[in-house]
PDB file of N, CA and C in Angstrom:
ATOM      1  N   UNK A   1      64.312  89.580  76.701  1.00  0.00           N
ATOM      2  CA  UNK A   1      65.449  90.018  75.741  1.00  0.00           C
ATOM      3  C   UNK A   1      65.444  89.507  74.215  1.00  0.00           C
ATOM      4  N   UNK A   2      66.210  90.657  73.355  1.00  0.00           N
ATOM      5  CA  UNK A   2      66.374  90.102  72.464  1.00  0.00           C
ATOM      6  C   UNK A   2      66.930  89.142  71.904  1.00  0.00           C
ATOM      7  N   UNK A   3      67.059  88.370  70.815  1.00  0.00           N
ATOM      8  CA  UNK A   3      67.878  87.910  70.937  1.00  0.00           C
ATOM      9  C   UNK A   3      69.238  88.089  70.035  1.00  0.00           C
ATOM     10  N   UNK A   4      69.146  89.006  69.773  1.00  0.00           N
ATOM     11  CA  UNK A   4      70.520  90.129  69.675  1.00  0.00           C
ATOM     12  C   UNK A   4      71.566  90.704  70.521  1.00  0.00           C
ATOM     13  N   UNK A   5      70.086  90.706  71.940  1.00  0.00           N
ATOM     14  CA  UNK A   5      70.872  91.506  73.015  1.00  0.00           C
ATOM     15  C   UNK A   5      71.378  90.126  73.784  1.00  0.00           C
ATOM     16  N   UNK A   6      70.726  88.676  74.000  1.00  0.00           N
ATOM     17  CA  UNK A   6      71.720  87.410  74.217  1.00  0.00           C
ATOM     18  C   UNK A   6      72.844  87.297  73.943  1.00  0.00           C
ATOM     19  N   UNK A   7      72.920  87.233  72.544  1.00  0.00           N
ATOM     20  CA  UNK A   7      74.211  86.750  71.395  1.00  0.00           C
ATOM     21  C   UNK A   7      75.409  87.750  71.802  1.00  0.00           C
ATOM     22  N   UNK A   8      74.778  88.804  71.770  1.00  0.00           N
ATOM     23  CA  UNK A   8      76.031  90.134  72.389  1.00  0.00           C
ATOM     24  C   UNK A   8      76.725  89.404  74.051  1.00  0.00           C
ATOM     25  N   UNK A   9      75.270  89.745  74.913  1.00  0.00           N
ATOM     26  CA  UNK A   9      75.824  89.248  76.057  1.00  0.00           C
ATOM     27  C   UNK A   9      76.647  87.882  76.336  1.00  0.00           C
ATOM     28  N   UNK A  10      75.967  86.246  75.491  1.00  0.00           N
ATOM     29  CA  UNK A  10      77.074  85.071  75.232  1.00  0.00           C
ATOM     30  C   UNK A  10      78.242  85.376  75.296  1.00  0.00           C
ATOM     31  N   UNK A  11      78.626  86.365  73.979  1.00  0.00           N
ATOM     32  CA  UNK A  11      79.795  86.114  73.372  1.00  0.00           C
ATOM     33  C   UNK A  11      80.788  87.163  73.805  1.00  0.00           C
ATOM     34  N   UNK A  12      80.248  88.344  75.452  1.00  0.00           N
ATOM     35  CA  UNK A  12      80.481  89.304  76.491  1.00  0.00           C
ATOM     36  C   UNK A  12      81.121  88.063  77.625  1.00  0.00           C
ATOM     37  N   UNK A  13      80.198  87.344  77.627  1.00  0.00           N
ATOM     38  CA  UNK A  13      80.906  86.332  78.950  1.00  0.00           C
ATOM     39  C   UNK A  13      81.165  85.696  78.685  1.00  0.00           C
ATOM     40  N   UNK A  14      81.509  84.418  78.233  1.00  0.00           N
ATOM     41  CA  UNK A  14      82.096  83.267  77.465  1.00  0.00           C
ATOM     42  C   UNK A  14      83.982  84.565  77.570  1.00  0.00           C
ATOM     43  N   UNK A  15      84.118  85.850  77.311  1.00  0.00           N
ATOM     44  CA  UNK A  15      85.946  86.110  77.448  1.00  0.00           C
ATOM     45  C   UNK A  15      85.867  85.734  78.963  1.00  0.00           C
ATOM     46  N   UNK A  16      85.016  86.005  79.747  1.00  0.00           N
ATOM     47  CA  UNK A  16      85.412  86.163  81.787  1.00  0.00           C
ATOM     48  C   UNK A  16      84.882  85.025  82.274  1.00  0.00           C
ATOM     49  N   UNK A  17      84.171  83.717  81.373  1.00  0.00           N
ATOM     50  CA  UNK A  17      83.798  82.219  82.198  1.00  0.00           C
ATOM     51  C   UNK A  17      84.928  81.797  81.383  1.00  0.00           C
ATOM     52  N   UNK A  18      84.089  80.381  82.424  1.00  0.00           N
ATOM     53  CA  UNK A  18      84.428  78.715  82.541  1.00  0.00           C
ATOM     54  C   UNK A  18      83.899  78.346  81.426  1.00  0.00           C
ATOM     55  N   UNK A  19      82.825  78.376  81.908  1.00  0.00           N
ATOM     56  CA  UNK A  19      81.208  77.861  81.175  1.00  0.00           C
ATOM     57  C   UNK A  19      79.953  78.459  81.640  1.00  0.00           C
ATOM     58  N   UNK A  20      79.448  77.996  80.778  1.00  0.00           N
ATOM     59  CA  UNK A  20      78.031  78.716  80.531  1.00  0.00           C
ATOM     60  C   UNK A  20      76.733  78.109  80.461  1.00  0.00           C
ATOM     61  N   UNK A  21      76.086  78.466  81.305  1.00  0.00           N
ATOM     62  CA  UNK A  21      74.370  77.863  81.419  1.00  0.00           C
ATOM     63  C   UNK A  21      74.164  79.039  81.030  1.00  0.00           C
ATOM     64  N   UNK A  22      72.601  79.098  79.546  1.00  0.00           N
ATOM     65  CA  UNK A  22      72.146  79.951  79.107  1.00  0.00           C
ATOM     66  C   UNK A  22      70.326  79.341  78.257  1.00  0.00           C
ATOM     67  N   UNK A  23      69.629  79.857  79.170  1.00  0.00           N
ATOM     68  CA  UNK A  23      67.831  79.388  78.803  1.00  0.00           C
ATOM     69  C   UNK A  23      67.205  80.873  78.082  1.00  0.00           C
ATOM     70  N   UNK A  24      67.303  80.971  76.951  1.00  0.00           N
ATOM     71  CA  UNK A  24      66.958  81.711  75.882  1.00  0.00           C
ATOM     72  C   UNK A  24      66.107  80.815  74.752  1.00  0.00           C
ATOM     73  N   UNK A  25      65.303  81.618  73.847  1.00  0.00           N
ATOM     74  CA  UNK A  25      64.642  80.943  72.993  1.00  0.00           C
ATOM     75  C   UNK A  25      65.746  80.213  71.716  1.00  0.00           C
ATOM     76  N   UNK A  26      65.187  79.478  71.140  1.00  0.00           N
ATOM     77  CA  UNK A  26      65.875  78.865  69.816  1.00  0.00           C
ATOM     78  C   UNK A  26      66.085  80.172  68.849  1.00  0.00           C
ATOM     79  N   UNK A  27      66.973  80.603  68.593  1.00  0.00           N
ATOM     80  CA  UNK A  27      66.569  81.948  67.726  1.00  0.00           C
ATOM     81  C   UNK A  27      68.209  81.605  66.336  1.00  0.00           C
ATOM     82  N   UNK A  28      68.290  81.761  65.394  1.00  0.00           N
ATOM     83  CA  UNK A  28      69.268  81.431  64.640  1.00  0.00           C
ATOM     84  C   UNK A  28      70.701  82.669  65.328  1.00  0.00           C
ATOM     85  N   UNK A  29      70.299  83.644  65.596  1.00  0.00           N
ATOM     86  CA  UNK A  29      71.251  84.612  66.376  1.00  0.00           C
ATOM     87  C   UNK A  29      72.283  84.439  67.191  1.00  0.00           C
ATOM     88  N   UNK A  30      71.479  83.299  68.260  1.00  0.00           N
ATOM     89  CA  UNK A  30      71.690  82.852  69.230  1.00  0.00           C
ATOM     90  C   UNK A  30      72.473  81.799  68.944  1.00  0.00           C
ATOM     91  N   UNK A  31      72.078  80.088  67.970  1.00  0.00           N
ATOM     92  CA  UNK A  31      73.088  79.383  67.878  1.00  0.00           C
ATOM     93  C   UNK A  31      73.811  79.618  67.343  1.00  0.00           C
ATOM     94  N   UNK A  32      74.231  80.511  65.819  1.00  0.00           N
ATOM     95  CA  UNK A  32      75.630  80.606  65.785  1.00  0.00           C
ATOM     96  C   UNK A  32      76.277  81.886  67.055  1.00  0.00           C
ATOM     97  N   UNK A  33      75.800  82.379  67.340  1.00  0.00           N
ATOM     98  CA  UNK A  33      76.925  83.030  68.768  1.00  0.00           C
ATOM     99  C   UNK A  33      78.058  81.847  69.593  1.00  0.00           C
ATOM    100  N   UNK A  34      76.520  81.016  69.217  1.00  0.00           N
ATOM    101  CA  UNK A  34      77.101  79.341  70.911  1.00  0.00           C
ATOM    102  C   UNK A  34      78.005  78.924  69.275  1.00  0.00           C
ATOM    103  N   UNK A  35      77.916  79.084  68.790  1.00  0.00           N
ATOM    104  CA  UNK A  35      79.232  77.958  67.012  1.00  0.00           C
ATOM    105  C   UNK A  35      79.793  78.787  67.339  1.00  0.00           C
ATOM    106  N   UNK A  36      80.681  80.294  67.838  1.00  0.00           N
ATOM    107  CA  UNK A  36      81.534  81.426  67.589  1.00  0.00           C
ATOM    108  C   UNK A  36      82.703  80.771  68.616  1.00  0.00           C
ATOM    109  N   UNK A  37      81.526  80.369  69.935  1.00  0.00           N
ATOM    110  CA  UNK A  37      82.627  80.242  71.140  1.00  0.00           C
ATOM    111  C   UNK A  37      83.100  78.992  71.144  1.00  0.00           C
ATOM    112  N   UNK A  38      83.812  78.048  70.288  1.00  0.00           N
ATOM    113  CA  UNK A  38      84.659  76.818  70.648  1.00  0.00           C
ATOM    114  C   UNK A  38      84.989  76.411  71.768  1.00  0.00           C
ATOM    115  N   UNK A  39      85.539  77.315  72.634  1.00  0.00           N
ATOM    116  CA  UNK A  39      86.574  77.178  73.856  1.00  0.00           C
ATOM    117  C   UNK A  39      85.998  78.114  75.584  1.00  0.00           C
ATOM    118  N   UNK A  40      84.553  77.401  75.574  1.00  0.00           N
ATOM    119  CA  UNK A  40      84.061  77.451  76.470  1.00  0.00           C
ATOM    120  C   UNK A  40      82.818  76.770  76.578  1.00  0.00           C
ATOM    121  N   UNK A  41      82.744  76.116  77.155  1.00  0.00           N
ATOM    122  CA  UNK A  41      81.685  74.926  77.067  1.00  0.00           C
ATOM    123  C   UNK A  41      80.063  75.397  77.667  1.00  0.00           C
ATOM    124  N   UNK A  42      79.274  75.536  76.531  1.00  0.00           N
ATOM    125  CA  UNK A  42      78.152  75.735  76.672  1.00  0.00           C
ATOM    126  C   UNK A  42      76.317  75.159  76.781  1.00  0.00           C
ATOM    127  N   UNK A  43      75.567  75.373  78.052  1.00  0.00           N
ATOM    128  CA  UNK A  43      75.017  74.477  78.474  1.00  0.00           C
ATOM    129  C   UNK A  43      73.270  74.807  77.934  1.00  0.00           C
ATOM    130  N   UNK A  44      72.825  74.267  77.296  1.00  0.00           N
ATOM    131  CA  UNK A  44      70.870  75.063  77.343  1.00  0.00           C
ATOM    132  C   UNK A  44      70.119  74.481  78.569  1.00  0.00           C
ATOM    133  N   UNK A  45      69.576  75.472  78.970  1.00  0.00           N
ATOM    134  CA  UNK A  45      68.936  75.078  79.996  1.00  0.00           C
ATOM    135  C   UNK A  45      66.408  75.077  79.052  1.00  0.00           C
ATOM    136  N   UNK A  46      65.695  74.434  79.855  1.00  0.00           N
ATOM    137  CA  UNK A  46      64.886  74.964  78.929  1.00  0.00           C
ATOM    138  C   UNK A  46      64.497  74.255  77.951  1.00  0.00           C
ATOM    139  N   UNK A  47      64.956  75.370  76.774  1.00  0.00           N
ATOM    140  CA  UNK A  47      65.144  75.103  75.293  1.00  0.00           C
ATOM    141  C   UNK A  47      66.071  74.346  74.902  1.00  0.00           C
ATOM    142  N   UNK A  48      66.301  73.621  73.977  1.00  0.00           N
ATOM    143  CA  UNK A  48      67.316  72.906  73.412  1.00  0.00           C
ATOM    144  C   UNK A  48      66.855  73.758  72.778  1.00  0.00           C
ATOM    145  N   UNK A  49      68.642  73.929  71.845  1.00  0.00           N
ATOM    146  CA  UNK A  49      68.949  74.832  71.287  1.00  0.00           C
ATOM    147  C   UNK A  49      70.056  74.385  70.042  1.00  0.00           C
ATOM    148  N   UNK A  50      69.597  75.019  68.284  1.00  0.00           N
ATOM    149  CA  UNK A  50      70.152  73.472  67.510  1.00  0.00           C
ATOM    150  C   UNK A  50      71.656  74.183  67.402  1.00  0.00           C
ATOM    151  N   UNK A  51      72.617  74.093  68.169  1.00  0.00           N
ATOM    152  CA  UNK A  51      74.035  74.510  68.385  1.00  0.00           C
ATOM    153  C   UNK A  51      74.816  73.546  68.317  1.00  0.00           C
ATOM    154  N   UNK A  52      75.400  73.218  66.581  1.00  0.00           N
ATOM    155  CA  UNK A  52      76.103  72.398  67.191  1.00  0.00           C
ATOM    156  C   UNK A  52      77.131  71.982  68.691  1.00  0.00           C
ATOM    157  N   UNK A  53      77.391  72.857  68.383  1.00  0.00           N
ATOM    158  CA  UNK A  53      78.849  73.136  69.283  1.00  0.00           C
ATOM    159  C   UNK A  53      78.882  73.471  71.029  1.00  0.00           C
ATOM    160  N   UNK A  54      77.088  73.231  71.179  1.00  0.00           N
ATOM    161  CA  UNK A  54      76.826  73.640  72.395  1.00  0.00           C
ATOM    162  C   UNK A  54      77.155  72.365  73.663  1.00  0.00           C
ATOM    163  N   UNK A  55      77.346  72.104  74.662  1.00  0.00           N
ATOM    164  CA  UNK A  55      78.226  71.033  75.594  1.00  0.00           C
ATOM    165  C   UNK A  55      77.003  70.632  76.002  1.00  0.00           C
ATOM    166  N   UNK A  56      75.529  70.646  76.129  1.00  0.00           N
ATOM    167  CA  UNK A  56      74.698  69.622  76.585  1.00  0.00           C
ATOM    168  C   UNK A  56      73.511  70.565  76.654  1.00  0.00           C
ATOM    169  N   UNK A  57      72.276  69.796  77.273  1.00  0.00           N
ATOM    170  CA  UNK A  57      71.111  70.678  77.468  1.00  0.00           C
ATOM    171  C   UNK A  57      70.265  69.643  78.682  1.00  0.00           C
ATOM    172  N   UNK A  58      69.790  70.976  79.251  1.00  0.00           N
ATOM    173  CA  UNK A  58      69.194  70.505  80.880  1.00  0.00           C
ATOM    174  C   UNK A  58      67.815  70.295  80.379  1.00  0.00           C
ATOM    175  N   UNK A  59      66.892  69.268  80.367  1.00  0.00           N
ATOM    176  CA  UNK A  59      65.430  70.019  80.420  1.00  0.00           C
ATOM    177  C   UNK A  59      64.358  68.626  79.608  1.00  0.00           C
ATOM    178  N   UNK A  60      63.074  69.117  79.559  1.00  0.00           N
ATOM    179  CA  UNK A  60      62.451  67.948  79.146  1.00  0.00           C
ATOM    180  C   UNK A  60      63.145  67.861  77.470  1.00  0.00           C
ATOM    181  N   UNK A  61      63.222  66.763  76.947  1.00  0.00           N
ATOM    182  CA  UNK A  61      62.969  66.070  76.113  1.00  0.00           C
ATOM    183  C   UNK A  61      61.757  65.321  75.475  1.00  0.00           C
ATOM    184  N   UNK A  62      61.024  66.125  74.395  1.00  0.00           N
ATOM    185  CA  UNK A  62      59.982  66.457  73.920  1.00  0.00           C
ATOM    186  C   UNK A  62      60.080  65.429  73.167  1.00  0.00           C
ATOM    187  N   UNK A  63      60.350  65.204  72.723  1.00  0.00           N
ATOM    188  CA  UNK A  63      60.117  63.790  72.072  1.00  0.00           C
ATOM    189  C   UNK A  63      59.855  62.412  72.188  1.00  0.00           C
ATOM    190  N   UNK A  64      60.829  62.093  73.831  1.00  0.00           N
ATOM    191  CA  UNK A  64      60.538  60.994  74.923  1.00  0.00           C
ATOM    192  C   UNK A  64      59.311  61.156  74.953  1.00  0.00           C
ATOM    193  N   UNK A  65      58.891  62.586  75.308  1.00  0.00           N
ATOM    194  CA  UNK A  65      57.967  62.567  76.361  1.00  0.00           C
ATOM    195  C   UNK A  65      56.580  62.622  75.650  1.00  0.00           C
ATOM    196  N   UNK A  66      56.394  62.406  74.157  1.00  0.00           N
ATOM    197  CA  UNK A  66      55.117  62.852  73.382  1.00  0.00           C
ATOM    198  C   UNK A  66      55.127  61.659  73.170  1.00  0.00           C
ATOM    199  N   UNK A  67      56.373  60.229  73.133  1.00  0.00           N
ATOM    200  CA  UNK A  67      55.858  58.337  73.444  1.00  0.00           C
ATOM    201  C   UNK A  67      55.374  58.032  74.194  1.00  0.00           C
ATOM    202  N   UNK A  68      55.671  58.639  75.703  1.00  0.00           N
ATOM    203  CA  UNK A  68      55.412  58.346  76.534  1.00  0.00           C
ATOM    204  C   UNK A  68      53.928  58.458  76.634  1.00  0.00           C
ATOM    205  N   UNK A  69      53.149  59.987  76.526  1.00  0.00           N
ATOM    206  CA  UNK A  69      51.820  59.796  76.655  1.00  0.00           C
ATOM    207  C   UNK A  69      51.177  59.991  75.250  1.00  0.00           C
ATOM    208  N   UNK A  70      51.712  59.126  74.393  1.00  0.00           N
ATOM    209  CA  UNK A  70      51.159  58.175  72.933  1.00  0.00           C
ATOM    210  C   UNK A  70      51.049  57.320  73.676  1.00  0.00           C
ATOM    211  N   UNK A  71      52.067  56.648  74.942  1.00  0.00           N
ATOM    212  CA  UNK A  71      51.977  54.878  75.376  1.00  0.00           C
ATOM    213  C   UNK A  71      51.047  54.912  76.336  1.00  0.00           C
ATOM    214  N   UNK A  72      50.379  55.521  76.761  1.00  0.00           N
ATOM    215  CA  UNK A  72      50.096  55.770  78.533  1.00  0.00           C
ATOM    216  C   UNK A  72      48.575  55.980  77.394  1.00  0.00           C
ATOM    217  N   UNK A  73      48.408  56.800  76.463  1.00  0.00           N
ATOM    218  CA  UNK A  73      46.764  57.005  76.017  1.00  0.00           C
ATOM    219  C   UNK A  73      45.982  55.622  75.273  1.00  0.00           C
ATOM    220  N   UNK A  74      47.748  54.785  75.116  1.00  0.00           N
ATOM    221  CA  UNK A  74      47.237  53.476  74.484  1.00  0.00           C
ATOM    222  C   UNK A  74      46.087  52.666  74.633  1.00  0.00           C
ATOM    223  N   UNK A  75      47.423  52.877  76.407  1.00  0.00           N
ATOM    224  CA  UNK A  75      47.195  52.171  77.516  1.00  0.00           C
ATOM    225  C   UNK A  75      45.759  51.881  77.894  1.00  0.00           C
ATOM    226  N   UNK A  76      45.026  53.414  77.443  1.00  0.00           N
ATOM    227  CA  UNK A  76      43.853  53.409  78.107  1.00  0.00           C
ATOM    228  C   UNK A  76      42.426  53.247  77.880  1.00  0.00           C
ATOM    229  N   UNK A  77      42.637  52.965  76.029  1.00  0.00           N
ATOM    230  CA  UNK A  77      42.383  53.262  74.946  1.00  0.00           C
ATOM    231  C   UNK A  77      41.295  51.760  75.328  1.00  0.00           C
ATOM    232  N   UNK A  78      40.339  51.793  74.524  1.00  0.00           N
ATOM    233  CA  UNK A  78      40.229  50.147  75.094  1.00  0.00           C
ATOM    234  C   UNK A  78      39.486  49.729  73.000  1.00  0.00           C
ATOM    235  N   UNK A  79      39.488  49.162  72.537  1.00  0.00           N
ATOM    236  CA  UNK A  79      39.423  48.397  71.210  1.00  0.00           C
ATOM    237  C   UNK A  79      40.472  49.636  70.640  1.00  0.00           C
ATOM    238  N   UNK A  80      40.557  49.118  69.144  1.00  0.00           N
ATOM    239  CA  UNK A  80      40.828  49.645  68.266  1.00  0.00           C
ATOM    240  C   UNK A  80      41.437  51.036  68.001  1.00  0.00           C
ATOM    241  N   UNK A  81      42.894  51.804  67.812  1.00  0.00           N
ATOM    242  CA  UNK A  81      43.460  52.699  67.684  1.00  0.00           C
ATOM    243  C   UNK A  81      43.148  52.764  66.729  1.00  0.00           C
ATOM    244  N   UNK A  82      42.402  54.288  66.084  1.00  0.00           N
ATOM    245  CA  UNK A  82      43.003  54.286  65.219  1.00  0.00           C
ATOM    246  C   UNK A  82      42.834  55.796  63.909  1.00  0.00           C
ATOM    247  N   UNK A  83      43.615  56.483  63.103  1.00  0.00           N
ATOM    248  CA  UNK A  83      44.699  58.330  63.009  1.00  0.00           C
ATOM    249  C   UNK A  83      43.212  58.475  61.933  1.00  0.00           C
ATOM    250  N   UNK A  84      42.819  59.889  63.144  1.00  0.00           N
ATOM    251  CA  UNK A  84      42.145  60.537  62.283  1.00  0.00           C
ATOM    252  C   UNK A  84      42.549  61.982  62.183  1.00  0.00           C
ATOM    253  N   UNK A  85      42.436  62.194  60.809  1.00  0.00           N
ATOM    254  CA  UNK A  85      43.557  63.484  60.213  1.00  0.00           C
ATOM    255  C   UNK A  85      42.642  64.822  60.784  1.00  0.00           C
TER     256      UNK A  85
END
């Protein structure tokens, strides 16, 4: 589904719903549609959308997952760690 279709469907669903859960890729057009719908809470699943007015996000926090992976790797590596660009 295109970003235009997602944004259009979102604007239609908020007129008929008390809340909306959305699973889609992060696209500026979708974020703009979310920001236009301030009367209905919108929750993003899987991909965290940067829209300021979304009600929440359910999924993996990639920053925390990366820090956890780094900590586990550090515990498994013996000796001095070094950065290799």
